[in-house]
Amino acid sequence: MAKYLLAYKGGGMAQSEAEREAAMAAWGAWMGGLGAALTDGGNPFGPSKAMAADGTLGDGASSALTGYSILQADDFAAAAELAKGCPIFASGGSIDIYEALPM
């Protein structure tokens, strides 16, 4: 089995407290349903900076990543199947899947 990083892009924050609670419950239910495949639930990202080769920082990274999780799966198809129910899609976001190569 390999590890796959789910890189979350976009999505929006719920406006009301009730909507935030419902969103957090959806994330908890989805992550709970992943079982042992979920090796790192990850975290959402806050503001970002882009760093140039000379070390200078610019405003905002170009990737627009909003968070991550790490799964264990047999292949990309299996990782994608696990990602299908992710709540990021309900808020207009998307997922890029990367295989984490062993070192």
N, C-alpha and C. Protein backbone atom coordinates (compact mmCIF):
# COMPACT_ATOMS: atom_id res chain seq x y z
N MET A 1 0.84 -1.19 0.00
CA MET A 1 0.00 0.00 0.00
C MET A 1 0.87 1.24 0.00
N ALA A 2 0.39 2.26 -0.65
CA ALA A 2 1.10 3.53 -0.73
C ALA A 2 0.34 4.60 0.05
N LYS A 3 1.01 5.69 0.32
CA LYS A 3 0.36 6.83 0.95
C LYS A 3 0.02 7.84 -0.12
N TYR A 4 -1.16 8.47 0.03
CA TYR A 4 -1.64 9.47 -0.91
C TYR A 4 -2.03 10.72 -0.14
N LEU A 5 -1.54 11.84 -0.61
CA LEU A 5 -1.88 13.12 -0.01
C LEU A 5 -3.07 13.70 -0.76
N LEU A 6 -4.12 14.03 -0.02
CA LEU A 6 -5.26 14.75 -0.60
C LEU A 6 -5.00 16.22 -0.32
N ALA A 7 -4.79 17.00 -1.36
CA ALA A 7 -4.56 18.44 -1.23
C ALA A 7 -5.87 19.14 -1.56
N TYR A 8 -6.46 19.77 -0.56
CA TYR A 8 -7.75 20.43 -0.74
C TYR A 8 -7.54 21.82 -1.30
N LYS A 9 -8.38 22.18 -2.28
CA LYS A 9 -8.31 23.50 -2.91
C LYS A 9 -9.70 24.12 -2.86
N GLY A 10 -9.74 25.39 -2.48
CA GLY A 10 -11.00 26.11 -2.50
C GLY A 10 -11.95 25.66 -1.41
N GLY A 11 -13.22 25.83 -1.69
CA GLY A 11 -14.23 25.57 -0.68
C GLY A 11 -14.47 26.84 0.10
N GLY A 12 -15.52 26.88 0.85
CA GLY A 12 -15.84 28.08 1.61
C GLY A 12 -16.18 27.75 3.05
N MET A 13 -16.05 28.75 3.88
CA MET A 13 -16.39 28.60 5.29
C MET A 13 -17.88 28.85 5.46
N ALA A 14 -18.53 28.00 6.23
CA ALA A 14 -19.96 28.16 6.51
C ALA A 14 -20.19 29.49 7.22
N GLN A 15 -21.32 30.10 6.97
CA GLN A 15 -21.61 31.43 7.49
C GLN A 15 -22.16 31.44 8.91
N SER A 16 -23.05 30.53 9.20
CA SER A 16 -23.68 30.53 10.53
C SER A 16 -23.05 29.46 11.42
N GLU A 17 -23.28 29.59 12.70
CA GLU A 17 -22.76 28.60 13.65
C GLU A 17 -23.35 27.23 13.37
N ALA A 18 -24.63 27.17 13.05
CA ALA A 18 -25.28 25.89 12.75
C ALA A 18 -24.67 25.26 11.50
N GLU A 19 -24.39 26.08 10.48
CA GLU A 19 -23.76 25.56 9.26
C GLU A 19 -22.34 25.06 9.54
N ARG A 20 -21.59 25.77 10.39
CA ARG A 20 -20.24 25.35 10.75
C ARG A 20 -20.28 24.02 11.50
N GLU A 21 -21.22 23.88 12.42
CA GLU A 21 -21.36 22.63 13.16
C GLU A 21 -21.71 21.48 12.23
N ALA A 22 -22.61 21.74 11.28
CA ALA A 22 -22.99 20.70 10.32
C ALA A 22 -21.80 20.32 9.43
N ALA A 23 -21.02 21.31 9.02
CA ALA A 23 -19.84 21.03 8.20
C ALA A 23 -18.82 20.21 8.98
N MET A 24 -18.58 20.57 10.23
CA MET A 24 -17.62 19.82 11.05
C MET A 24 -18.12 18.39 11.29
N ALA A 25 -19.41 18.23 11.47
CA ALA A 25 -19.97 16.89 11.64
C ALA A 25 -19.79 16.07 10.36
N ALA A 26 -19.97 16.71 9.20
CA ALA A 26 -19.78 16.00 7.92
C ALA A 26 -18.32 15.56 7.76
N TRP A 27 -17.39 16.46 8.10
CA TRP A 27 -15.97 16.10 8.03
C TRP A 27 -15.65 14.96 8.99
N GLY A 28 -16.17 15.03 10.21
CA GLY A 28 -15.93 13.98 11.19
C GLY A 28 -16.48 12.64 10.74
N ALA A 29 -17.68 12.65 10.16
CA ALA A 29 -18.30 11.41 9.69
C ALA A 29 -17.51 10.83 8.52
N TRP A 30 -17.10 11.69 7.59
CA TRP A 30 -16.33 11.21 6.43
C TRP A 30 -14.99 10.62 6.90
N MET A 31 -14.27 11.36 7.73
CA MET A 31 -12.98 10.87 8.21
C MET A 31 -13.13 9.60 9.03
N GLY A 32 -14.18 9.53 9.85
CA GLY A 32 -14.43 8.32 10.63
C GLY A 32 -14.71 7.12 9.75
N GLY A 33 -15.37 7.36 8.64
CA GLY A 33 -15.68 6.29 7.70
C GLY A 33 -14.47 5.77 6.94
N LEU A 34 -13.38 6.52 6.94
CA LEU A 34 -12.18 6.08 6.23
C LEU A 34 -11.44 4.98 7.00
N GLY A 35 -11.70 4.89 8.29
CA GLY A 35 -11.07 3.85 9.11
C GLY A 35 -9.56 3.91 9.07
N ALA A 36 -8.94 2.73 8.94
CA ALA A 36 -7.47 2.62 8.97
C ALA A 36 -6.81 3.24 7.75
N ALA A 37 -7.57 3.54 6.70
CA ALA A 37 -6.98 4.17 5.51
C ALA A 37 -6.50 5.59 5.80
N LEU A 38 -7.10 6.23 6.79
CA LEU A 38 -6.71 7.59 7.16
C LEU A 38 -5.49 7.53 8.07
N THR A 39 -4.33 7.94 7.55
CA THR A 39 -3.10 7.90 8.36
C THR A 39 -2.81 9.24 9.02
N ASP A 40 -3.33 10.33 8.44
CA ASP A 40 -3.17 11.67 9.01
C ASP A 40 -4.36 12.50 8.55
N GLY A 41 -5.22 12.87 9.49
CA GLY A 41 -6.40 13.66 9.15
C GLY A 41 -6.06 15.03 8.60
N GLY A 42 -4.85 15.51 8.88
CA GLY A 42 -4.41 16.79 8.34
C GLY A 42 -4.99 17.97 9.08
N ASN A 43 -4.97 19.09 8.41
CA ASN A 43 -5.46 20.36 8.96
C ASN A 43 -5.84 21.29 7.83
N PRO A 44 -6.69 22.25 8.12
CA PRO A 44 -6.91 23.32 7.14
C PRO A 44 -5.72 24.28 7.17
N PHE A 45 -5.53 25.02 6.10
CA PHE A 45 -4.45 26.00 6.01
C PHE A 45 -5.00 27.40 6.23
N GLY A 46 -4.19 28.25 6.81
CA GLY A 46 -4.50 29.67 6.95
C GLY A 46 -3.85 30.43 5.81
N PRO A 47 -3.58 31.72 6.02
CA PRO A 47 -2.95 32.54 4.98
C PRO A 47 -1.60 31.95 4.56
N SER A 48 -1.19 32.26 3.33
CA SER A 48 0.06 31.73 2.81
C SER A 48 0.94 32.84 2.24
N LYS A 49 2.18 32.52 2.04
CA LYS A 49 3.15 33.38 1.37
C LYS A 49 3.86 32.53 0.32
N ALA A 50 4.29 33.14 -0.76
CA ALA A 50 5.07 32.46 -1.79
C ALA A 50 6.52 32.91 -1.64
N MET A 51 7.44 31.95 -1.57
CA MET A 51 8.84 32.30 -1.40
C MET A 51 9.60 32.10 -2.70
N ALA A 52 10.37 33.12 -3.10
CA ALA A 52 11.20 33.05 -4.29
C ALA A 52 12.55 32.42 -3.93
N ALA A 53 13.33 32.06 -4.94
CA ALA A 53 14.63 31.43 -4.72
C ALA A 53 15.57 32.32 -3.91
N ASP A 54 15.39 33.64 -4.00
CA ASP A 54 16.26 34.54 -3.24
C ASP A 54 15.77 34.76 -1.81
N GLY A 55 14.70 34.08 -1.43
CA GLY A 55 14.19 34.15 -0.06
C GLY A 55 13.15 35.22 0.18
N THR A 56 12.84 36.04 -0.82
CA THR A 56 11.82 37.06 -0.63
C THR A 56 10.44 36.42 -0.61
N LEU A 57 9.55 37.02 0.17
CA LEU A 57 8.19 36.52 0.30
C LEU A 57 7.21 37.41 -0.42
N GLY A 58 6.30 36.78 -1.15
CA GLY A 58 5.22 37.50 -1.81
C GLY A 58 3.90 37.10 -1.18
N ASP A 59 2.87 37.86 -1.45
CA ASP A 59 1.56 37.58 -0.88
C ASP A 59 0.90 36.40 -1.57
N GLY A 60 0.54 35.42 -0.79
CA GLY A 60 -0.26 34.30 -1.26
C GLY A 60 0.45 33.34 -2.18
N ALA A 61 0.35 32.06 -1.89
CA ALA A 61 0.88 31.02 -2.76
C ALA A 61 -0.06 30.85 -3.95
N SER A 62 0.49 30.49 -5.09
CA SER A 62 -0.31 30.37 -6.31
C SER A 62 -1.20 29.14 -6.32
N SER A 63 -0.93 28.15 -5.48
CA SER A 63 -1.67 26.90 -5.51
C SER A 63 -3.07 27.00 -4.91
N ALA A 64 -3.31 27.95 -4.04
CA ALA A 64 -4.61 28.13 -3.39
C ALA A 64 -5.05 26.92 -2.58
N LEU A 65 -4.08 26.20 -1.99
CA LEU A 65 -4.42 25.04 -1.16
C LEU A 65 -5.08 25.50 0.13
N THR A 66 -6.07 24.73 0.57
CA THR A 66 -6.78 25.09 1.79
C THR A 66 -6.65 24.05 2.90
N GLY A 67 -5.98 22.91 2.62
CA GLY A 67 -5.78 21.90 3.64
C GLY A 67 -5.30 20.61 3.03
N TYR A 68 -5.15 19.59 3.90
CA TYR A 68 -4.67 18.29 3.43
C TYR A 68 -5.12 17.18 4.37
N SER A 69 -5.05 15.97 3.84
CA SER A 69 -5.17 14.72 4.60
C SER A 69 -4.29 13.70 3.91
N ILE A 70 -3.89 12.65 4.65
CA ILE A 70 -3.08 11.59 4.06
C ILE A 70 -3.78 10.26 4.26
N LEU A 71 -3.92 9.53 3.16
CA LEU A 71 -4.57 8.22 3.16
C LEU A 71 -3.60 7.15 2.75
N GLN A 72 -3.93 5.93 3.11
CA GLN A 72 -3.20 4.76 2.64
C GLN A 72 -4.14 4.02 1.71
N ALA A 73 -3.66 3.69 0.51
CA ALA A 73 -4.51 3.00 -0.47
C ALA A 73 -3.64 2.16 -1.40
N ASP A 74 -4.28 1.24 -2.12
CA ASP A 74 -3.55 0.37 -3.04
C ASP A 74 -3.04 1.11 -4.27
N ASP A 75 -3.81 2.09 -4.77
CA ASP A 75 -3.43 2.81 -5.98
C ASP A 75 -4.25 4.10 -6.07
N PHE A 76 -4.02 4.87 -7.13
CA PHE A 76 -4.75 6.13 -7.30
C PHE A 76 -6.26 5.92 -7.34
N ALA A 77 -6.69 4.87 -8.01
CA ALA A 77 -8.13 4.61 -8.11
C ALA A 77 -8.74 4.38 -6.74
N ALA A 78 -8.05 3.63 -5.90
CA ALA A 78 -8.56 3.37 -4.55
C ALA A 78 -8.55 4.65 -3.72
N ALA A 79 -7.51 5.47 -3.86
CA ALA A 79 -7.45 6.75 -3.14
C ALA A 79 -8.59 7.67 -3.59
N ALA A 80 -8.85 7.69 -4.89
CA ALA A 80 -9.94 8.52 -5.42
C ALA A 80 -11.29 8.04 -4.92
N GLU A 81 -11.46 6.74 -4.81
CA GLU A 81 -12.72 6.18 -4.30
C GLU A 81 -12.94 6.63 -2.86
N LEU A 82 -11.88 6.60 -2.05
CA LEU A 82 -11.99 7.05 -0.66
C LEU A 82 -12.29 8.55 -0.58
N ALA A 83 -11.75 9.32 -1.52
CA ALA A 83 -11.93 10.77 -1.51
C ALA A 83 -13.31 11.22 -1.99
N LYS A 84 -14.04 10.36 -2.68
CA LYS A 84 -15.32 10.74 -3.29
C LYS A 84 -16.29 11.41 -2.34
N GLY A 85 -16.39 10.95 -1.12
CA GLY A 85 -17.38 11.50 -0.19
C GLY A 85 -16.89 12.68 0.62
N CYS A 86 -15.74 13.23 0.27
CA CYS A 86 -15.17 14.33 1.05
C CYS A 86 -16.09 15.56 1.05
N PRO A 87 -16.31 16.16 2.21
CA PRO A 87 -17.17 17.34 2.30
C PRO A 87 -16.65 18.58 1.58
N ILE A 88 -15.38 18.61 1.15
CA ILE A 88 -14.87 19.78 0.43
C ILE A 88 -15.69 20.04 -0.83
N PHE A 89 -16.21 18.98 -1.44
CA PHE A 89 -16.99 19.14 -2.67
C PHE A 89 -18.30 19.89 -2.41
N ALA A 90 -18.90 19.70 -1.24
CA ALA A 90 -20.17 20.36 -0.91
C ALA A 90 -20.00 21.87 -0.79
N SER A 91 -18.77 22.32 -0.51
CA SER A 91 -18.56 23.77 -0.37
C SER A 91 -17.86 24.36 -1.59
N GLY A 92 -17.89 23.63 -2.71
CA GLY A 92 -17.34 24.16 -3.96
C GLY A 92 -15.85 23.94 -4.15
N GLY A 93 -15.22 23.14 -3.29
CA GLY A 93 -13.79 22.90 -3.41
C GLY A 93 -13.48 21.69 -4.27
N SER A 94 -12.19 21.41 -4.39
CA SER A 94 -11.74 20.26 -5.17
C SER A 94 -10.56 19.61 -4.45
N ILE A 95 -10.13 18.47 -4.98
CA ILE A 95 -9.02 17.73 -4.38
C ILE A 95 -8.01 17.36 -5.47
N ASP A 96 -6.73 17.59 -5.19
CA ASP A 96 -5.65 17.04 -6.00
C ASP A 96 -5.08 15.88 -5.19
N ILE A 97 -4.83 14.76 -5.84
CA ILE A 97 -4.28 13.58 -5.16
C ILE A 97 -2.85 13.37 -5.62
N TYR A 98 -1.96 13.24 -4.64
CA TYR A 98 -0.53 13.00 -4.91
C TYR A 98 -0.11 11.72 -4.23
N GLU A 99 0.65 10.88 -4.93
CA GLU A 99 1.25 9.73 -4.29
C GLU A 99 2.51 10.20 -3.56
N ALA A 100 2.63 9.83 -2.29
CA ALA A 100 3.82 10.16 -1.50
C ALA A 100 4.82 9.02 -1.72
N LEU A 101 5.93 9.34 -2.36
CA LEU A 101 6.92 8.33 -2.68
C LEU A 101 7.75 7.97 -1.47
N PRO A 102 8.03 6.69 -1.28
CA PRO A 102 8.85 6.29 -0.13
C PRO A 102 10.28 6.78 -0.29
N MET A 103 10.89 7.14 0.82
CA MET A 103 12.28 7.62 0.79
C MET A 103 13.13 6.71 1.62
